[in-house]
Amino acid sequence: MKYLDGQEVRLGDRVRVDGDPTGLVVCCIETQEYTPEFPGAEWEYLQRGCLIRSSKHGLVHYERLDEDLELIERKADC
Protein backbone atom coordinates (compact mmCIF):
# COMPACT_ATOMS: atom_id res chain seq x y z
CA MET A 1 0.00 0.00 0.00
CA LYS A 2 1.37 3.41 -0.96
CA TYR A 3 0.63 7.05 -0.25
CA LEU A 4 -0.25 9.21 -3.25
CA ASP A 5 3.38 10.40 -3.41
CA GLY A 6 4.53 6.78 -3.97
CA GLN A 7 6.02 6.08 -0.54
CA GLU A 8 5.11 2.80 1.15
CA VAL A 9 2.77 2.94 4.14
CA ARG A 10 4.63 1.65 7.21
CA LEU A 11 3.68 0.75 10.73
CA GLY A 12 4.16 3.73 13.04
CA ASP A 13 3.81 6.41 10.34
CA ARG A 14 2.30 9.68 11.58
CA VAL A 15 -0.23 10.93 9.06
CA ARG A 16 -2.59 13.83 8.50
CA VAL A 17 -6.14 12.52 8.02
CA ASP A 18 -8.56 15.01 6.52
CA GLY A 19 -6.66 17.89 8.13
CA ASP A 20 -6.17 16.12 11.48
CA PRO A 21 -2.43 15.65 12.20
CA THR A 22 -2.93 12.99 14.90
CA GLY A 23 -3.18 9.92 12.65
CA LEU A 24 -1.02 6.89 13.40
CA VAL A 25 -0.70 3.76 11.26
CA VAL A 26 -1.33 0.91 13.72
CA CYS A 27 -1.64 -1.99 11.23
CA CYS A 28 -0.33 -2.69 7.76
CA ILE A 29 -2.43 -5.68 6.81
CA GLU A 30 -0.82 -6.45 3.44
CA THR A 31 2.68 -6.61 4.98
CA GLN A 32 1.36 -8.33 8.12
CA GLU A 33 2.69 -5.66 10.49
CA TYR A 34 0.66 -5.09 13.62
CA THR A 35 1.11 -3.29 16.92
CA PRO A 36 0.55 -5.21 20.17
CA GLU A 37 -2.57 -3.11 20.75
CA PHE A 38 -4.00 -4.20 17.36
CA PRO A 39 -2.82 -7.82 16.85
CA GLY A 40 -2.97 -9.60 13.51
CA ALA A 41 -5.31 -12.30 14.85
CA GLU A 42 -8.00 -9.64 15.21
CA TRP A 43 -7.46 -7.74 11.94
CA GLU A 44 -5.95 -9.99 9.26
CA TYR A 45 -9.45 -11.01 8.10
CA LEU A 46 -9.58 -7.60 6.35
CA GLN A 47 -6.94 -8.96 3.89
CA ARG A 48 -5.70 -5.59 2.59
CA GLY A 49 -5.13 -2.00 3.54
CA CYS A 50 -4.16 -0.42 6.82
CA LEU A 51 -5.69 0.77 10.06
CA ILE A 52 -5.16 4.37 11.10
CA ARG A 53 -6.09 5.74 14.51
CA SER A 54 -6.63 9.46 15.01
CA SER A 55 -8.20 11.58 17.72
CA LYS A 56 -10.76 13.09 15.33
CA HIS A 57 -11.80 9.97 13.40
CA GLY A 58 -10.99 7.11 15.78
CA LEU A 59 -9.86 3.84 14.23
CA VAL A 60 -10.45 3.62 10.46
CA HIS A 61 -9.69 0.86 7.97
CA TYR A 62 -8.41 2.13 4.62
CA GLU A 63 -8.39 -0.31 1.70
CA ARG A 64 -6.78 2.36 -0.46
CA LEU A 65 -5.49 5.79 0.35
CA ASP A 66 -6.78 9.05 -1.05
CA GLU A 67 -5.77 12.69 -1.09
CA ASP A 68 -7.09 13.20 2.47
CA LEU A 69 -4.15 11.17 3.84
CA GLU A 70 -0.65 12.61 3.98
CA LEU A 71 2.55 11.25 5.53
CA ILE A 72 3.85 13.64 8.19
CA GLU A 73 6.64 11.64 9.79
CA ARG A 74 8.15 8.19 9.48
CA LYS A 75 8.84 6.24 12.68
CA ALA A 76 12.59 6.37 13.24
CA ASP A 77 13.22 2.63 13.58
CA CYS A 78 11.18 1.54 10.52
C-alpha atoms as a PDB file:
ATOM      1  CA  MET A   1       0.000   0.000   0.000  1.00  0.00           C
ATOM      2  CA  LYS A   2       1.369   3.410  -0.957  1.00  0.00           C
ATOM      3  CA  TYR A   3       0.629   7.050  -0.254  1.00  0.00           C
ATOM      4  CA  LEU A   4      -0.249   9.213  -3.249  1.00  0.00           C
ATOM      5  CA  ASP A   5       3.383  10.399  -3.406  1.00  0.00           C
ATOM      6  CA  GLY A   6       4.528   6.784  -3.975  1.00  0.00           C
ATOM      7  CA  GLN A   7       6.025   6.080  -0.541  1.00  0.00           C
ATOM      8  CA  GLU A   8       5.105   2.801   1.155  1.00  0.00           C
ATOM      9  CA  VAL A   9       2.765   2.938   4.144  1.00  0.00           C
ATOM     10  CA  ARG A  10       4.632   1.652   7.212  1.00  0.00           C
ATOM     11  CA  LEU A  11       3.682   0.746  10.733  1.00  0.00           C
ATOM     12  CA  GLY A  12       4.163   3.732  13.038  1.00  0.00           C
ATOM     13  CA  ASP A  13       3.808   6.412  10.338  1.00  0.00           C
ATOM     14  CA  ARG A  14       2.302   9.677  11.576  1.00  0.00           C
ATOM     15  CA  VAL A  15      -0.227  10.925   9.065  1.00  0.00           C
ATOM     16  CA  ARG A  16      -2.585  13.827   8.495  1.00  0.00           C
ATOM     17  CA  VAL A  17      -6.140  12.518   8.020  1.00  0.00           C
ATOM     18  CA  ASP A  18      -8.559  15.011   6.516  1.00  0.00           C
ATOM     19  CA  GLY A  19      -6.658  17.892   8.126  1.00  0.00           C
ATOM     20  CA  ASP A  20      -6.166  16.120  11.484  1.00  0.00           C
ATOM     21  CA  PRO A  21      -2.429  15.647  12.201  1.00  0.00           C
ATOM     22  CA  THR A  22      -2.932  12.988  14.901  1.00  0.00           C
ATOM     23  CA  GLY A  23      -3.182   9.924  12.645  1.00  0.00           C
ATOM     24  CA  LEU A  24      -1.023   6.892  13.400  1.00  0.00           C
ATOM     25  CA  VAL A  25      -0.700   3.760  11.260  1.00  0.00           C
ATOM     26  CA  VAL A  26      -1.333   0.912  13.721  1.00  0.00           C
ATOM     27  CA  CYS A  27      -1.643  -1.995  11.231  1.00  0.00           C
ATOM     28  CA  CYS A  28      -0.327  -2.689   7.758  1.00  0.00           C
ATOM     29  CA  ILE A  29      -2.427  -5.675   6.811  1.00  0.00           C
ATOM     30  CA  GLU A  30      -0.820  -6.446   3.439  1.00  0.00           C
ATOM     31  CA  THR A  31       2.680  -6.608   4.980  1.00  0.00           C
ATOM     32  CA  GLN A  32       1.358  -8.334   8.122  1.00  0.00           C
ATOM     33  CA  GLU A  33       2.694  -5.662  10.486  1.00  0.00           C
ATOM     34  CA  TYR A  34       0.656  -5.087  13.620  1.00  0.00           C
ATOM     35  CA  THR A  35       1.108  -3.286  16.916  1.00  0.00           C
ATOM     36  CA  PRO A  36       0.549  -5.209  20.168  1.00  0.00           C
ATOM     37  CA  GLU A  37      -2.565  -3.112  20.748  1.00  0.00           C
ATOM     38  CA  PHE A  38      -3.999  -4.201  17.357  1.00  0.00           C
ATOM     39  CA  PRO A  39      -2.820  -7.822  16.846  1.00  0.00           C
ATOM     40  CA  GLY A  40      -2.971  -9.598  13.515  1.00  0.00           C
ATOM     41  CA  ALA A  41      -5.307 -12.297  14.845  1.00  0.00           C
ATOM     42  CA  GLU A  42      -8.004  -9.636  15.212  1.00  0.00           C
ATOM     43  CA  TRP A  43      -7.457  -7.741  11.939  1.00  0.00           C
ATOM     44  CA  GLU A  44      -5.945  -9.994   9.261  1.00  0.00           C
ATOM     45  CA  TYR A  45      -9.445 -11.010   8.099  1.00  0.00           C
ATOM     46  CA  LEU A  46      -9.582  -7.604   6.352  1.00  0.00           C
ATOM     47  CA  GLN A  47      -6.943  -8.957   3.887  1.00  0.00           C
ATOM     48  CA  ARG A  48      -5.704  -5.592   2.591  1.00  0.00           C
ATOM     49  CA  GLY A  49      -5.126  -2.003   3.535  1.00  0.00           C
ATOM     50  CA  CYS A  50      -4.161  -0.423   6.816  1.00  0.00           C
ATOM     51  CA  LEU A  51      -5.687   0.774  10.064  1.00  0.00           C
ATOM     52  CA  ILE A  52      -5.158   4.370  11.100  1.00  0.00           C
ATOM     53  CA  ARG A  53      -6.088   5.739  14.510  1.00  0.00           C
ATOM     54  CA  SER A  54      -6.632   9.461  15.007  1.00  0.00           C
ATOM     55  CA  SER A  55      -8.204  11.581  17.719  1.00  0.00           C
ATOM     56  CA  LYS A  56     -10.757  13.092  15.330  1.00  0.00           C
ATOM     57  CA  HIS A  57     -11.803   9.965  13.402  1.00  0.00           C
ATOM     58  CA  GLY A  58     -10.995   7.109  15.782  1.00  0.00           C
ATOM     59  CA  LEU A  59      -9.864   3.835  14.228  1.00  0.00           C
ATOM     60  CA  VAL A  60     -10.454   3.624  10.460  1.00  0.00           C
ATOM     61  CA  HIS A  61      -9.689   0.857   7.965  1.00  0.00           C
ATOM     62  CA  TYR A  62      -8.407   2.128   4.620  1.00  0.00           C
ATOM     63  CA  GLU A  63      -8.394  -0.312   1.703  1.00  0.00           C
ATOM     64  CA  ARG A  64      -6.778   2.359  -0.462  1.00  0.00           C
ATOM     65  CA  LEU A  65      -5.491   5.789   0.346  1.00  0.00           C
ATOM     66  CA  ASP A  66      -6.784   9.051  -1.052  1.00  0.00           C
ATOM     67  CA  GLU A  67      -5.773  12.695  -1.087  1.00  0.00           C
ATOM     68  CA  ASP A  68      -7.087  13.197   2.468  1.00  0.00           C
ATOM     69  CA  LEU A  69      -4.149  11.168   3.837  1.00  0.00           C
ATOM     70  CA  GLU A  70      -0.651  12.612   3.979  1.00  0.00           C
ATOM     71  CA  LEU A  71       2.548  11.246   5.532  1.00  0.00           C
ATOM     72  CA  ILE A  72       3.851  13.645   8.195  1.00  0.00           C
ATOM     73  CA  GLU A  73       6.639  11.644   9.788  1.00  0.00           C
ATOM     74  CA  ARG A  74       8.155   8.187   9.477  1.00  0.00           C
ATOM     75  CA  LYS A  75       8.842   6.242  12.683  1.00  0.00           C
ATOM     76  CA  ALA A  76      12.594   6.366  13.244  1.00  0.00           C
ATOM     77  CA  ASP A  77      13.215   2.627  13.576  1.00  0.00           C
ATOM     78  CA  CYS A  78      11.181   1.538  10.525  1.00  0.00           C
END
